[in-house]
Amino acid sequence: MLEEQLSDPAVISDQSRYARLNKEYAKLKEIVDAYLAYKTVLENLGHARELAAEKDPEIREMAKAEQEELESEKAKLEAQLKILLTPKDPEDEKDVIFEIRAGTGGDEASLFAGDLFRMYSRYFEKQGWNLEILSENPGSVGGFKEVSMEVTGTDVYGKLKYESGVHRVQRVPETESKGRVHTSAATVAVMPKMEMEDVNIKRSDLKIDTFRSSGAGGQHVNKTESGVRLTHLPTGVVVECTEGRSQHSNKEIAEQRLYQKVYEMQKNKMESEVAAQRKSLVGSGDRSEKIRTYNYPQNRITDHRIDLTLYNLDQVLEGDLDKIIEALTIADNAEKMKASESA
């Protein structure tokens, strides 16, 4: 059993295996707990129906009220189980590399990127996930020109995969003297963290070069070869990274980007051999797509992919993203079920 393996000292000492088994345990426990709750509701519902047939009117009235409450709970649990039992993308359980970059809008875009970083950081904390900043390039007046981080925990990619794309903000910048609303944007990229075993890559197939970074940074940048270039010899894929603070962090970021690119090449090759995939209701997550608008004057947030509009932007900016992510997940699952029924 997974519980026994998780208490095995040999498993505990192997952090990679322990983390993998712990995620599997959490996933199965959620399904089991929902099923047991559903089973209990069915038993109580049967009892309530028996009491509803009693002669005593007071007992019948109480039983009827309980029956209505249990029917509502039964419907909720059935919906939950349907989602839990819907086949998941195996990548959903992966940790992610999460990047935020200022887009159009100059300094205001950098400030907005900083606001997004704060919003997501609070959401990660509420989920019990761990956040590690891999690289950051602060904006000249605050916020970020770009920031890259690693997020680890349970079902991280499954919940964050819909966040990739262009996030647009409409608000009055602090530097605007006439009170006019400006529009700027930032892009978010969410990539499942790939390991060597996820991709058909051998260490011997990698060529690693280091070079001096260019740009801001003064003497440190000029005197150290912190830039890293990785070449995957079989495919010719080349990636570079210079934004990290050290050669080690740049190598880690470059590896993730390389794994992702090679993985996507392999995945696209497989997908080209089968029928064209359905067009997802929530879009492809391409950076060119405007996925969401944050309107400060009206305290409104709109997700354009599912026509969802909420008037709680202030709460969302504090990390309350559950309603949006749940709506996107439900929409995607509904599309998957529809596609499987018509297949």
C-alpha atoms as a PDB file:
ATOM      1  CA  MET A   1       0.000   0.000   0.000  1.00  0.00           C
ATOM      2  CA  LEU A   2       1.044   3.576  -0.619  1.00  0.00           C
ATOM      3  CA  GLU A   3       0.729   4.433   3.091  1.00  0.00           C
ATOM      4  CA  GLU A   4       3.226   1.705   3.956  1.00  0.00           C
ATOM      5  CA  GLN A   5       5.642   2.812   1.243  1.00  0.00           C
ATOM      6  CA  LEU A   6       5.453   6.423   2.447  1.00  0.00           C
ATOM      7  CA  SER A   7       6.535   5.323   5.921  1.00  0.00           C
ATOM      8  CA  ASP A   8       9.411   3.204   4.580  1.00  0.00           C
ATOM      9  CA  PRO A   9      12.785   4.810   5.535  1.00  0.00           C
ATOM     10  CA  ALA A  10      14.246   3.749   2.176  1.00  0.00           C
ATOM     11  CA  VAL A  11      11.474   5.648   0.340  1.00  0.00           C
ATOM     12  CA  ILE A  12      11.744   8.669   2.627  1.00  0.00           C
ATOM     13  CA  SER A  13      15.467   8.925   1.956  1.00  0.00           C
ATOM     14  CA  ASP A  14      14.779   9.029  -1.794  1.00  0.00           C
ATOM     15  CA  GLN A  15      13.189  12.472  -2.022  1.00  0.00           C
ATOM     16  CA  SER A  16      12.244  12.182  -5.684  1.00  0.00           C
ATOM     17  CA  ARG A  17      10.434   8.859  -5.176  1.00  0.00           C
ATOM     18  CA  TYR A  18       8.853  10.057  -1.921  1.00  0.00           C
ATOM     19  CA  ALA A  19       7.452  13.191  -3.587  1.00  0.00           C
ATOM     20  CA  ARG A  20       6.081  11.113  -6.487  1.00  0.00           C
ATOM     21  CA  LEU A  21       4.361   8.596  -4.160  1.00  0.00           C
ATOM     22  CA  ASN A  22       3.040  11.378  -1.943  1.00  0.00           C
ATOM     23  CA  LYS A  23       1.341  12.995  -4.935  1.00  0.00           C
ATOM     24  CA  GLU A  24      -0.162   9.650  -5.968  1.00  0.00           C
ATOM     25  CA  TYR A  25      -1.443   9.101  -2.418  1.00  0.00           C
ATOM     26  CA  ALA A  26      -3.037  12.570  -2.262  1.00  0.00           C
ATOM     27  CA  LYS A  27      -4.762  12.009  -5.612  1.00  0.00           C
ATOM     28  CA  LEU A  28      -6.209   8.606  -4.631  1.00  0.00           C
ATOM     29  CA  LYS A  29      -7.204   9.814  -1.162  1.00  0.00           C
ATOM     30  CA  GLU A  30      -9.284  12.611  -2.677  1.00  0.00           C
ATOM     31  CA  ILE A  31     -11.205  10.100  -4.799  1.00  0.00           C
ATOM     32  CA  VAL A  32     -11.673   7.640  -1.920  1.00  0.00           C
ATOM     33  CA  ASP A  33     -12.852  10.371   0.473  1.00  0.00           C
ATOM     34  CA  ALA A  34     -15.393  11.643  -2.085  1.00  0.00           C
ATOM     35  CA  TYR A  35     -16.669   8.108  -2.719  1.00  0.00           C
ATOM     36  CA  LEU A  36     -17.049   7.348   1.009  1.00  0.00           C
ATOM     37  CA  ALA A  37     -18.918  10.627   1.504  1.00  0.00           C
ATOM     38  CA  TYR A  38     -21.180   9.759  -1.447  1.00  0.00           C
ATOM     39  CA  LYS A  39     -21.821   6.291  -0.028  1.00  0.00           C
ATOM     40  CA  THR A  40     -22.792   7.780   3.341  1.00  0.00           C
ATOM     41  CA  VAL A  41     -25.164  10.252   1.681  1.00  0.00           C
ATOM     42  CA  LEU A  42     -26.884   7.400  -0.217  1.00  0.00           C
ATOM     43  CA  GLU A  43     -27.346   5.431   3.015  1.00  0.00           C
ATOM     44  CA  ASN A  44     -28.760   8.458   4.832  1.00  0.00           C
ATOM     45  CA  LEU A  45     -30.994   9.236   1.871  1.00  0.00           C
ATOM     46  CA  GLY A  46     -32.450   5.734   1.995  1.00  0.00           C
ATOM     47  CA  HIS A  47     -33.151   6.136   5.705  1.00  0.00           C
ATOM     48  CA  ALA A  48     -34.781   9.542   5.128  1.00  0.00           C
ATOM     49  CA  ARG A  49     -37.052   8.076   2.466  1.00  0.00           C
ATOM     50  CA  GLU A  50     -38.182   5.360   4.892  1.00  0.00           C
ATOM     51  CA  LEU A  51     -38.988   7.977   7.534  1.00  0.00           C
ATOM     52  CA  ALA A  52     -40.908  10.000   4.952  1.00  0.00           C
ATOM     53  CA  ALA A  53     -43.385   7.102   4.793  1.00  0.00           C
ATOM     54  CA  GLU A  54     -44.129   7.255   8.544  1.00  0.00           C
ATOM     55  CA  LYS A  55     -47.620   8.166   9.736  1.00  0.00           C
ATOM     56  CA  ASP A  56     -46.451  10.832  12.162  1.00  0.00           C
ATOM     57  CA  PRO A  57     -46.692  14.165  10.219  1.00  0.00           C
ATOM     58  CA  GLU A  58     -43.905  15.763  12.239  1.00  0.00           C
ATOM     59  CA  ILE A  59     -41.509  12.915  11.431  1.00  0.00           C
ATOM     60  CA  ARG A  60     -42.554  13.051   7.759  1.00  0.00           C
ATOM     61  CA  GLU A  61     -41.867  16.791   7.625  1.00  0.00           C
ATOM     62  CA  MET A  62     -38.432  16.400   9.202  1.00  0.00           C
ATOM     63  CA  ALA A  63     -37.619  13.507   6.853  1.00  0.00           C
ATOM     64  CA  LYS A  64     -38.708  15.543   3.824  1.00  0.00           C
ATOM     65  CA  ALA A  65     -36.443  18.453   4.795  1.00  0.00           C
ATOM     66  CA  GLU A  66     -33.507  16.070   5.359  1.00  0.00           C
ATOM     67  CA  GLN A  67     -34.204  14.336   2.054  1.00  0.00           C
ATOM     68  CA  GLU A  68     -34.036  17.634   0.126  1.00  0.00           C
ATOM     69  CA  GLU A  69     -30.737  18.514   1.795  1.00  0.00           C
ATOM     70  CA  LEU A  70     -29.276  15.070   1.062  1.00  0.00           C
ATOM     71  CA  GLU A  71     -30.418  15.191  -2.590  1.00  0.00           C
ATOM     72  CA  SER A  72     -28.530  18.472  -2.982  1.00  0.00           C
ATOM     73  CA  GLU A  73     -25.412  16.992  -1.371  1.00  0.00           C
ATOM     74  CA  LYS A  74     -25.738  13.888  -3.563  1.00  0.00           C
ATOM     75  CA  ALA A  75     -25.772  16.027  -6.727  1.00  0.00           C
ATOM     76  CA  LYS A  76     -22.671  17.940  -5.585  1.00  0.00           C
ATOM     77  CA  LEU A  77     -20.752  14.748  -4.823  1.00  0.00           C
ATOM     78  CA  GLU A  78     -21.758  13.194  -8.149  1.00  0.00           C
ATOM     79  CA  ALA A  79     -20.409  16.251  -9.966  1.00  0.00           C
ATOM     80  CA  GLN A  80     -17.211  16.100  -7.911  1.00  0.00           C
ATOM     81  CA  LEU A  81     -16.715  12.397  -8.600  1.00  0.00           C
ATOM     82  CA  LYS A  82     -17.359  12.935 -12.300  1.00  0.00           C
ATOM     83  CA  ILE A  83     -14.515  15.467 -12.381  1.00  0.00           C
ATOM     84  CA  LEU A  84     -12.212  13.320 -10.240  1.00  0.00           C
ATOM     85  CA  LEU A  85     -12.792  10.256 -12.410  1.00  0.00           C
ATOM     86  CA  THR A  86     -12.420  12.078 -15.724  1.00  0.00           C
ATOM     87  CA  PRO A  87      -9.117  10.897 -17.236  1.00  0.00           C
ATOM     88  CA  LYS A  88      -6.485  13.533 -16.560  1.00  0.00           C
ATOM     89  CA  ASP A  89      -3.595  14.698 -18.622  1.00  0.00           C
ATOM     90  CA  PRO A  90      -0.587  12.915 -17.064  1.00  0.00           C
ATOM     91  CA  GLU A  91       1.180  16.277 -17.029  1.00  0.00           C
ATOM     92  CA  ASP A  92      -1.386  17.688 -14.580  1.00  0.00           C
ATOM     93  CA  GLU A  93       0.540  16.285 -11.621  1.00  0.00           C
ATOM     94  CA  LYS A  94       3.799  17.925 -12.642  1.00  0.00           C
ATOM     95  CA  ASP A  95       5.449  20.882 -10.982  1.00  0.00           C
ATOM     96  CA  VAL A  96       5.873  23.928 -13.190  1.00  0.00           C
ATOM     97  CA  ILE A  97       8.199  26.628 -14.406  1.00  0.00           C
ATOM     98  CA  PHE A  98       6.130  29.794 -14.155  1.00  0.00           C
ATOM     99  CA  GLU A  99       7.180  32.951 -16.011  1.00  0.00           C
ATOM    100  CA  ILE A 100       5.687  36.444 -15.978  1.00  0.00           C
ATOM    101  CA  ARG A 101       6.905  39.076 -18.450  1.00  0.00           C
ATOM    102  CA  ALA A 102       5.890  42.707 -18.882  1.00  0.00           C
ATOM    103  CA  GLY A 103       4.290  43.302 -22.283  1.00  0.00           C
ATOM    104  CA  THR A 104       3.030  46.444 -23.966  1.00  0.00           C
ATOM    105  CA  GLY A 105       2.657  49.455 -21.705  1.00  0.00           C
ATOM    106  CA  GLY A 106       6.155  50.388 -20.553  1.00  0.00           C
ATOM    107  CA  ASP A 107       6.561  51.002 -16.809  1.00  0.00           C
ATOM    108  CA  GLU A 108       2.872  50.331 -16.199  1.00  0.00           C
ATOM    109  CA  ALA A 109       3.267  46.854 -17.733  1.00  0.00           C
ATOM    110  CA  SER A 110       6.165  46.147 -15.341  1.00  0.00           C
ATOM    111  CA  LEU A 111       4.033  47.264 -12.386  1.00  0.00           C
ATOM    112  CA  PHE A 112       1.207  45.019 -13.578  1.00  0.00           C
ATOM    113  CA  ALA A 113       3.638  42.091 -13.896  1.00  0.00           C
ATOM    114  CA  GLY A 114       4.537  42.759 -10.258  1.00  0.00           C
ATOM    115  CA  ASP A 115       0.852  42.731  -9.303  1.00  0.00           C
ATOM    116  CA  LEU A 116       0.398  39.392 -11.077  1.00  0.00           C
ATOM    117  CA  PHE A 117       3.437  38.004  -9.251  1.00  0.00           C
ATOM    118  CA  ARG A 118       1.913  39.049  -5.921  1.00  0.00           C
ATOM    119  CA  MET A 119      -1.500  37.601  -6.878  1.00  0.00           C
ATOM    120  CA  TYR A 120      -0.094  34.244  -7.935  1.00  0.00           C
ATOM    121  CA  SER A 121       2.278  34.070  -4.958  1.00  0.00           C
ATOM    122  CA  ARG A 122      -0.686  34.378  -2.606  1.00  0.00           C
ATOM    123  CA  TYR A 123      -2.604  31.741  -4.557  1.00  0.00           C
ATOM    124  CA  PHE A 124       0.381  29.370  -4.368  1.00  0.00           C
ATOM    125  CA  GLU A 125       0.552  29.926  -0.615  1.00  0.00           C
ATOM    126  CA  LYS A 126      -3.166  29.146  -0.191  1.00  0.00           C
ATOM    127  CA  GLN A 127      -2.663  25.915  -2.152  1.00  0.00           C
ATOM    128  CA  GLY A 128       0.216  24.899   0.124  1.00  0.00           C
ATOM    129  CA  TRP A 129       2.674  24.951  -2.790  1.00  0.00           C
ATOM    130  CA  ASN A 130       6.324  25.953  -2.631  1.00  0.00           C
ATOM    131  CA  LEU A 131       7.734  28.829  -4.679  1.00  0.00           C
ATOM    132  CA  GLU A 132      11.366  29.354  -5.647  1.00  0.00           C
ATOM    133  CA  ILE A 133      12.433  32.323  -7.742  1.00  0.00           C
ATOM    134  CA  LEU A 134      14.861  31.232 -10.449  1.00  0.00           C
ATOM    135  CA  SER A 135      15.540  34.644 -11.990  1.00  0.00           C
ATOM    136  CA  GLU A 136      14.160  38.153 -11.874  1.00  0.00           C
ATOM    137  CA  ASN A 137      14.634  41.412 -13.739  1.00  0.00           C
ATOM    138  CA  PRO A 138      13.002  44.270 -11.787  1.00  0.00           C
ATOM    139  CA  GLY A 139      11.279  47.143 -13.566  1.00  0.00           C
ATOM    140  CA  SER A 140      12.778  50.625 -13.344  1.00  0.00           C
ATOM    141  CA  VAL A 141       9.856  51.959 -11.241  1.00  0.00           C
ATOM    142  CA  GLY A 142       8.882  48.685  -9.544  1.00  0.00           C
ATOM    143  CA  GLY A 143       7.365  45.372 -10.492  1.00  0.00           C
ATOM    144  CA  PHE A 144       9.172  43.152 -12.978  1.00  0.00           C
ATOM    145  CA  LYS A 145      10.290  43.223 -16.562  1.00  0.00           C
ATOM    146  CA  GLU A 146      10.354  39.463 -16.141  1.00  0.00           C
ATOM    147  CA  VAL A 147      10.421  36.913 -13.364  1.00  0.00           C
ATOM    148  CA  SER A 148      10.831  33.137 -13.573  1.00  0.00           C
ATOM    149  CA  MET A 149      10.011  30.727 -10.754  1.00  0.00           C
ATOM    150  CA  GLU A 150       9.587  27.068  -9.961  1.00  0.00           C
ATOM    151  CA  VAL A 151       6.342  26.027  -8.259  1.00  0.00           C
ATOM    152  CA  THR A 152       6.119  22.609  -6.597  1.00  0.00           C
ATOM    153  CA  GLY A 153       3.244  20.813  -4.914  1.00  0.00           C
ATOM    154  CA  THR A 154       0.194  18.686  -5.713  1.00  0.00           C
ATOM    155  CA  ASP A 155      -1.499  18.984  -9.142  1.00  0.00           C
ATOM    156  CA  VAL A 156       0.322  22.245  -9.841  1.00  0.00           C
ATOM    157  CA  TYR A 157       0.242  22.117 -13.643  1.00  0.00           C
ATOM    158  CA  GLY A 158      -3.327  20.799 -13.625  1.00  0.00           C
ATOM    159  CA  LYS A 159      -4.521  23.989 -11.927  1.00  0.00           C
ATOM    160  CA  LEU A 160      -2.171  26.495 -13.532  1.00  0.00           C
ATOM    161  CA  LYS A 161      -2.121  25.337 -17.167  1.00  0.00           C
ATOM    162  CA  TYR A 162      -4.992  27.642 -18.121  1.00  0.00           C
ATOM    163  CA  GLU A 163      -3.052  30.736 -16.988  1.00  0.00           C
ATOM    164  CA  SER A 164      -0.727  30.872 -20.012  1.00  0.00           C
ATOM    165  CA  GLY A 165      -1.398  33.793 -22.321  1.00  0.00           C
ATOM    166  CA  VAL A 166      -1.783  37.545 -22.386  1.00  0.00           C
ATOM    167  CA  HIS A 167      -3.251  39.200 -19.286  1.00  0.00           C
ATOM    168  CA  ARG A 168      -4.579  42.716 -19.961  1.00  0.00           C
ATOM    169  CA  VAL A 169      -5.073  45.439 -17.338  1.00  0.00           C
ATOM    170  CA  GLN A 170      -7.231  48.551 -17.567  1.00  0.00           C
ATOM    171  CA  ARG A 171      -6.612  51.161 -14.875  1.00  0.00           C
ATOM    172  CA  VAL A 172      -5.396  54.685 -14.150  1.00  0.00           C
ATOM    173  CA  PRO A 173      -1.590  54.556 -13.757  1.00  0.00           C
ATOM    174  CA  GLU A 174      -0.022  56.336 -10.793  1.00  0.00           C
ATOM    175  CA  THR A 175       1.822  58.568 -13.260  1.00  0.00           C
ATOM    176  CA  GLU A 176      -1.410  59.651 -15.029  1.00  0.00           C
ATOM    177  CA  SER A 177      -2.287  63.188 -13.950  1.00  0.00           C
ATOM    178  CA  LYS A 178      -5.570  63.476 -15.861  1.00  0.00           C
ATOM    179  CA  GLY A 179      -7.155  60.321 -14.513  1.00  0.00           C
ATOM    180  CA  ARG A 180      -7.352  58.554 -17.861  1.00  0.00           C
ATOM    181  CA  VAL A 181      -7.636  54.773 -17.959  1.00  0.00           C
ATOM    182  CA  HIS A 182      -4.703  53.108 -19.710  1.00  0.00           C
ATOM    183  CA  THR A 183      -4.411  49.578 -21.074  1.00  0.00           C
ATOM    184  CA  SER A 184      -1.255  47.517 -20.727  1.00  0.00           C
ATOM    185  CA  ALA A 185      -0.426  43.829 -20.629  1.00  0.00           C
ATOM    186  CA  ALA A 186       1.799  41.109 -19.281  1.00  0.00           C
ATOM    187  CA  THR A 187       2.316  37.568 -20.514  1.00  0.00           C
ATOM    188  CA  VAL A 188       2.233  34.456 -18.369  1.00  0.00           C
ATOM    189  CA  ALA A 189       3.842  31.186 -19.448  1.00  0.00           C
ATOM    190  CA  VAL A 190       3.240  27.972 -17.501  1.00  0.00           C
ATOM    191  CA  MET A 191       5.411  25.004 -18.468  1.00  0.00           C
ATOM    192  CA  PRO A 192       5.258  21.562 -16.849  1.00  0.00           C
ATOM    193  CA  LYS A 193       8.639  20.849 -15.305  1.00  0.00           C
ATOM    194  CA  MET A 194      10.261  18.156 -17.375  1.00  0.00           C
ATOM    195  CA  GLU A 195      12.742  15.624 -16.118  1.00  0.00           C
ATOM    196  CA  MET A 196      15.178  13.620 -18.210  1.00  0.00           C
ATOM    197  CA  GLU A 197      12.974  10.537 -17.922  1.00  0.00           C
ATOM    198  CA  ASP A 198       9.968  12.471 -19.319  1.00  0.00           C
ATOM    199  CA  VAL A 199      11.795  13.245 -22.527  1.00  0.00           C
ATOM    200  CA  ASN A 200      13.906  11.006 -24.717  1.00  0.00           C
ATOM    201  CA  ILE A 201      17.111  12.895 -23.917  1.00  0.00           C
ATOM    202  CA  LYS A 202      20.479  11.443 -22.998  1.00  0.00           C
ATOM    203  CA  ARG A 203      23.020  13.500 -21.128  1.00  0.00           C
ATOM    204  CA  SER A 204      25.593  12.499 -23.734  1.00  0.00           C
ATOM    205  CA  ASP A 205      23.419  14.178 -26.392  1.00  0.00           C
ATOM    206  CA  LEU A 206      23.795  17.600 -24.788  1.00  0.00           C
ATOM    207  CA  LYS A 207      26.479  20.108 -25.656  1.00  0.00           C
ATOM    208  CA  ILE A 208      26.979  22.760 -22.968  1.00  0.00           C
ATOM    209  CA  ASP A 209      28.652  26.103 -23.680  1.00  0.00           C
ATOM    210  CA  THR A 210      29.150  29.041 -21.330  1.00  0.00           C
ATOM    211  CA  PHE A 211      29.638  32.655 -22.306  1.00  0.00           C
ATOM    212  CA  ARG A 212      29.693  36.122 -20.836  1.00  0.00           C
ATOM    213  CA  SER A 213      26.277  37.686 -20.432  1.00  0.00           C
ATOM    214  CA  SER A 214      25.650  41.078 -21.988  1.00  0.00           C
ATOM    215  CA  GLY A 215      23.508  43.954 -20.782  1.00  0.00           C
ATOM    216  CA  ALA A 216      22.985  45.530 -17.368  1.00  0.00           C
ATOM    217  CA  GLY A 217      24.915  44.086 -14.494  1.00  0.00           C
ATOM    218  CA  GLY A 218      28.237  45.903 -14.343  1.00  0.00           C
ATOM    219  CA  GLN A 219      31.483  44.136 -13.560  1.00  0.00           C
ATOM    220  CA  HIS A 220      29.861  40.868 -12.489  1.00  0.00           C
ATOM    221  CA  VAL A 221      28.333  40.363 -15.913  1.00  0.00           C
ATOM    222  CA  ASN A 222      31.534  41.309 -17.734  1.00  0.00           C
ATOM    223  CA  LYS A 223      33.897  39.128 -15.717  1.00  0.00           C
ATOM    224  CA  THR A 224      31.947  35.885 -15.269  1.00  0.00           C
ATOM    225  CA  GLU A 225      30.731  33.417 -17.876  1.00  0.00           C
ATOM    226  CA  SER A 226      27.266  33.044 -16.353  1.00  0.00           C
ATOM    227  CA  GLY A 227      25.438  32.649 -19.671  1.00  0.00           C
ATOM    228  CA  VAL A 228      24.621  29.047 -20.628  1.00  0.00           C
ATOM    229  CA  ARG A 229      23.874  27.632 -24.084  1.00  0.00           C
ATOM    230  CA  LEU A 230      22.575  24.071 -24.441  1.00  0.00           C
ATOM    231  CA  THR A 231      22.451  22.211 -27.747  1.00  0.00           C
ATOM    232  CA  HIS A 232      20.547  18.957 -28.192  1.00  0.00           C
ATOM    233  CA  LEU A 233      22.680  17.309 -30.854  1.00  0.00           C
ATOM    234  CA  PRO A 234      20.116  14.805 -32.288  1.00  0.00           C
ATOM    235  CA  THR A 235      17.475  17.486 -32.948  1.00  0.00           C
ATOM    236  CA  GLY A 236      19.612  20.612 -33.220  1.00  0.00           C
ATOM    237  CA  VAL A 237      17.490  22.417 -30.627  1.00  0.00           C
ATOM    238  CA  VAL A 238      19.451  25.270 -29.034  1.00  0.00           C
ATOM    239  CA  VAL A 239      18.463  27.286 -25.966  1.00  0.00           C
ATOM    240  CA  GLU A 240      20.269  30.034 -24.095  1.00  0.00           C
ATOM    241  CA  CYS A 241      19.772  31.569 -20.681  1.00  0.00           C
ATOM    242  CA  THR A 242      21.455  34.658 -19.261  1.00  0.00           C
ATOM    243  CA  GLU A 243      18.895  36.104 -16.861  1.00  0.00           C
ATOM    244  CA  GLY A 244      19.795  33.989 -13.819  1.00  0.00           C
ATOM    245  CA  ARG A 245      22.143  35.211 -11.117  1.00  0.00           C
ATOM    246  CA  SER A 246      24.584  32.367 -11.548  1.00  0.00           C
ATOM    247  CA  GLN A 247      25.736  29.833 -14.102  1.00  0.00           C
ATOM    248  CA  HIS A 248      24.042  27.110 -12.052  1.00  0.00           C
ATOM    249  CA  SER A 249      20.614  28.794 -12.107  1.00  0.00           C
ATOM    250  CA  ASN A 250      21.000  29.624 -15.811  1.00  0.00           C
ATOM    251  CA  LYS A 251      21.809  25.979 -16.534  1.00  0.00           C
ATOM    252  CA  GLU A 252      18.687  24.821 -14.671  1.00  0.00           C
ATOM    253  CA  ILE A 253      16.460  27.272 -16.547  1.00  0.00           C
ATOM    254  CA  ALA A 254      18.072  26.373 -19.887  1.00  0.00           C
ATOM    255  CA  GLU A 255      17.587  22.642 -19.205  1.00  0.00           C
ATOM    256  CA  GLN A 256      13.884  23.143 -18.503  1.00  0.00           C
ATOM    257  CA  ARG A 257      13.452  25.126 -21.705  1.00  0.00           C
ATOM    258  CA  LEU A 258      15.344  22.501 -23.670  1.00  0.00           C
ATOM    259  CA  TYR A 259      13.339  19.621 -22.187  1.00  0.00           C
ATOM    260  CA  GLN A 260      10.154  21.527 -23.019  1.00  0.00           C
ATOM    261  CA  LYS A 261      11.164  22.208 -26.628  1.00  0.00           C
ATOM    262  CA  VAL A 262      12.294  18.642 -27.309  1.00  0.00           C
ATOM    263  CA  TYR A 263       9.213  17.283 -25.540  1.00  0.00           C
ATOM    264  CA  GLU A 264       6.952  19.473 -27.667  1.00  0.00           C
ATOM    265  CA  MET A 265       8.742  18.277 -30.830  1.00  0.00           C
ATOM    266  CA  GLN A 266       8.186  14.654 -29.818  1.00  0.00           C
ATOM    267  CA  LYS A 267       4.599  15.315 -28.808  1.00  0.00           C
ATOM    268  CA  ASN A 268       3.777  17.193 -32.024  1.00  0.00           C
ATOM    269  CA  LYS A 269       5.242  14.366 -34.066  1.00  0.00           C
ATOM    270  CA  MET A 270       2.973  11.875 -32.319  1.00  0.00           C
ATOM    271  CA  GLU A 271      -0.084  14.099 -32.661  1.00  0.00           C
ATOM    272  CA  SER A 272       0.522  14.604 -36.380  1.00  0.00           C
ATOM    273  CA  GLU A 273       0.095  10.868 -36.879  1.00  0.00           C
ATOM    274  CA  VAL A 274      -3.464  10.874 -35.534  1.00  0.00           C
ATOM    275  CA  ALA A 275      -6.569  12.922 -36.291  1.00  0.00           C
ATOM    276  CA  ALA A 276      -6.385  16.637 -35.561  1.00  0.00           C
ATOM    277  CA  GLN A 277      -7.131  17.278 -31.932  1.00  0.00           C
ATOM    278  CA  ARG A 278     -10.272  19.076 -30.897  1.00  0.00           C
ATOM    279  CA  LYS A 279      -9.974  22.788 -30.375  1.00  0.00           C
ATOM    280  CA  SER A 280     -10.132  23.236 -26.625  1.00  0.00           C
ATOM    281  CA  LEU A 281     -12.803  25.473 -25.192  1.00  0.00           C
ATOM    282  CA  VAL A 282     -10.171  27.242 -23.128  1.00  0.00           C
ATOM    283  CA  GLY A 283      -7.783  27.897 -26.000  1.00  0.00           C
ATOM    284  CA  SER A 284      -4.239  26.808 -26.582  1.00  0.00           C
ATOM    285  CA  GLY A 285      -2.616  29.117 -24.088  1.00  0.00           C
ATOM    286  CA  ASP A 286      -0.546  30.740 -26.812  1.00  0.00           C
ATOM    287  CA  ARG A 287       1.017  33.996 -25.683  1.00  0.00           C
ATOM    288  CA  SER A 288      -0.602  35.883 -28.556  1.00  0.00           C
ATOM    289  CA  GLU A 289      -4.055  35.200 -27.113  1.00  0.00           C
ATOM    290  CA  LYS A 290      -5.695  37.720 -24.792  1.00  0.00           C
ATOM    291  CA  ILE A 291      -7.126  35.441 -22.170  1.00  0.00           C
ATOM    292  CA  ARG A 292      -8.150  37.759 -19.340  1.00  0.00           C
ATOM    293  CA  THR A 293      -8.845  41.419 -18.577  1.00  0.00           C
ATOM    294  CA  TYR A 294      -8.416  43.044 -15.166  1.00  0.00           C
ATOM    295  CA  ASN A 295     -10.535  46.207 -15.021  1.00  0.00           C
ATOM    296  CA  TYR A 296      -9.704  48.187 -11.881  1.00  0.00           C
ATOM    297  CA  PRO A 297     -12.280  51.037 -12.143  1.00  0.00           C
ATOM    298  CA  GLN A 298     -15.169  48.555 -12.221  1.00  0.00           C
ATOM    299  CA  ASN A 299     -13.541  45.962  -9.918  1.00  0.00           C
ATOM    300  CA  ARG A 300     -14.190  43.541 -12.788  1.00  0.00           C
ATOM    301  CA  ILE A 301     -12.268  40.554 -14.079  1.00  0.00           C
ATOM    302  CA  THR A 302     -13.229  38.806 -17.315  1.00  0.00           C
ATOM    303  CA  ASP A 303     -11.929  35.536 -18.700  1.00  0.00           C
ATOM    304  CA  HIS A 304     -12.602  35.800 -22.412  1.00  0.00           C
ATOM    305  CA  ARG A 305     -12.278  32.080 -23.194  1.00  0.00           C
ATOM    306  CA  ILE A 306     -15.397  31.069 -21.281  1.00  0.00           C
ATOM    307  CA  ASP A 307     -17.153  34.470 -21.114  1.00  0.00           C
ATOM    308  CA  LEU A 308     -16.822  34.534 -17.340  1.00  0.00           C
ATOM    309  CA  THR A 309     -17.127  37.946 -15.669  1.00  0.00           C
ATOM    310  CA  LEU A 310     -16.796  38.497 -11.928  1.00  0.00           C
ATOM    311  CA  TYR A 311     -16.924  41.715  -9.926  1.00  0.00           C
ATOM    312  CA  ASN A 312     -14.445  40.720  -7.237  1.00  0.00           C
ATOM    313  CA  LEU A 313     -11.146  41.839  -8.747  1.00  0.00           C
ATOM    314  CA  ASP A 314      -9.942  43.042  -5.352  1.00  0.00           C
ATOM    315  CA  GLN A 315     -10.334  39.513  -3.948  1.00  0.00           C
ATOM    316  CA  VAL A 316      -8.745  37.882  -7.013  1.00  0.00           C
ATOM    317  CA  LEU A 317      -5.687  40.113  -6.650  1.00  0.00           C
ATOM    318  CA  GLU A 318      -5.358  38.738  -3.099  1.00  0.00           C
ATOM    319  CA  GLY A 319      -4.985  35.242  -4.552  1.00  0.00           C
ATOM    320  CA  ASP A 320      -8.636  34.162  -4.649  1.00  0.00           C
ATOM    321  CA  LEU A 321      -8.438  32.456  -8.051  1.00  0.00           C
ATOM    322  CA  ASP A 322     -10.455  29.353  -7.163  1.00  0.00           C
ATOM    323  CA  LYS A 323     -13.702  30.335  -8.928  1.00  0.00           C
ATOM    324  CA  ILE A 324     -11.906  31.199 -12.165  1.00  0.00           C
ATOM    325  CA  ILE A 325      -9.726  28.084 -12.217  1.00  0.00           C
ATOM    326  CA  GLU A 326     -12.658  25.826 -11.273  1.00  0.00           C
ATOM    327  CA  ALA A 327     -14.790  27.310 -14.076  1.00  0.00           C
ATOM    328  CA  LEU A 328     -12.006  26.761 -16.608  1.00  0.00           C
ATOM    329  CA  THR A 329     -11.497  23.182 -15.387  1.00  0.00           C
ATOM    330  CA  ILE A 330     -15.219  22.386 -15.601  1.00  0.00           C
ATOM    331  CA  ALA A 331     -15.435  23.874 -19.098  1.00  0.00           C
ATOM    332  CA  ASP A 332     -12.426  21.869 -20.263  1.00  0.00           C
ATOM    333  CA  ASN A 333     -13.729  18.636 -18.700  1.00  0.00           C
ATOM    334  CA  ALA A 334     -17.131  19.168 -20.334  1.00  0.00           C
ATOM    335  CA  GLU A 335     -15.420  19.579 -23.685  1.00  0.00           C
ATOM    336  CA  LYS A 336     -13.367  16.424 -23.114  1.00  0.00           C
ATOM    337  CA  MET A 337     -16.476  14.407 -22.206  1.00  0.00           C
ATOM    338  CA  LYS A 338     -18.288  15.764 -25.265  1.00  0.00           C
ATOM    339  CA  ALA A 339     -15.371  14.796 -27.493  1.00  0.00           C
ATOM    340  CA  SER A 340     -15.167  11.282 -26.000  1.00  0.00           C
ATOM    341  CA  GLU A 341     -18.934  10.718 -26.457  1.00  0.00           C
ATOM    342  CA  SER A 342     -18.792  11.711 -30.123  1.00  0.00           C
ATOM    343  CA  ALA A 343     -15.659   9.654 -30.801  1.00  0.00           C
END
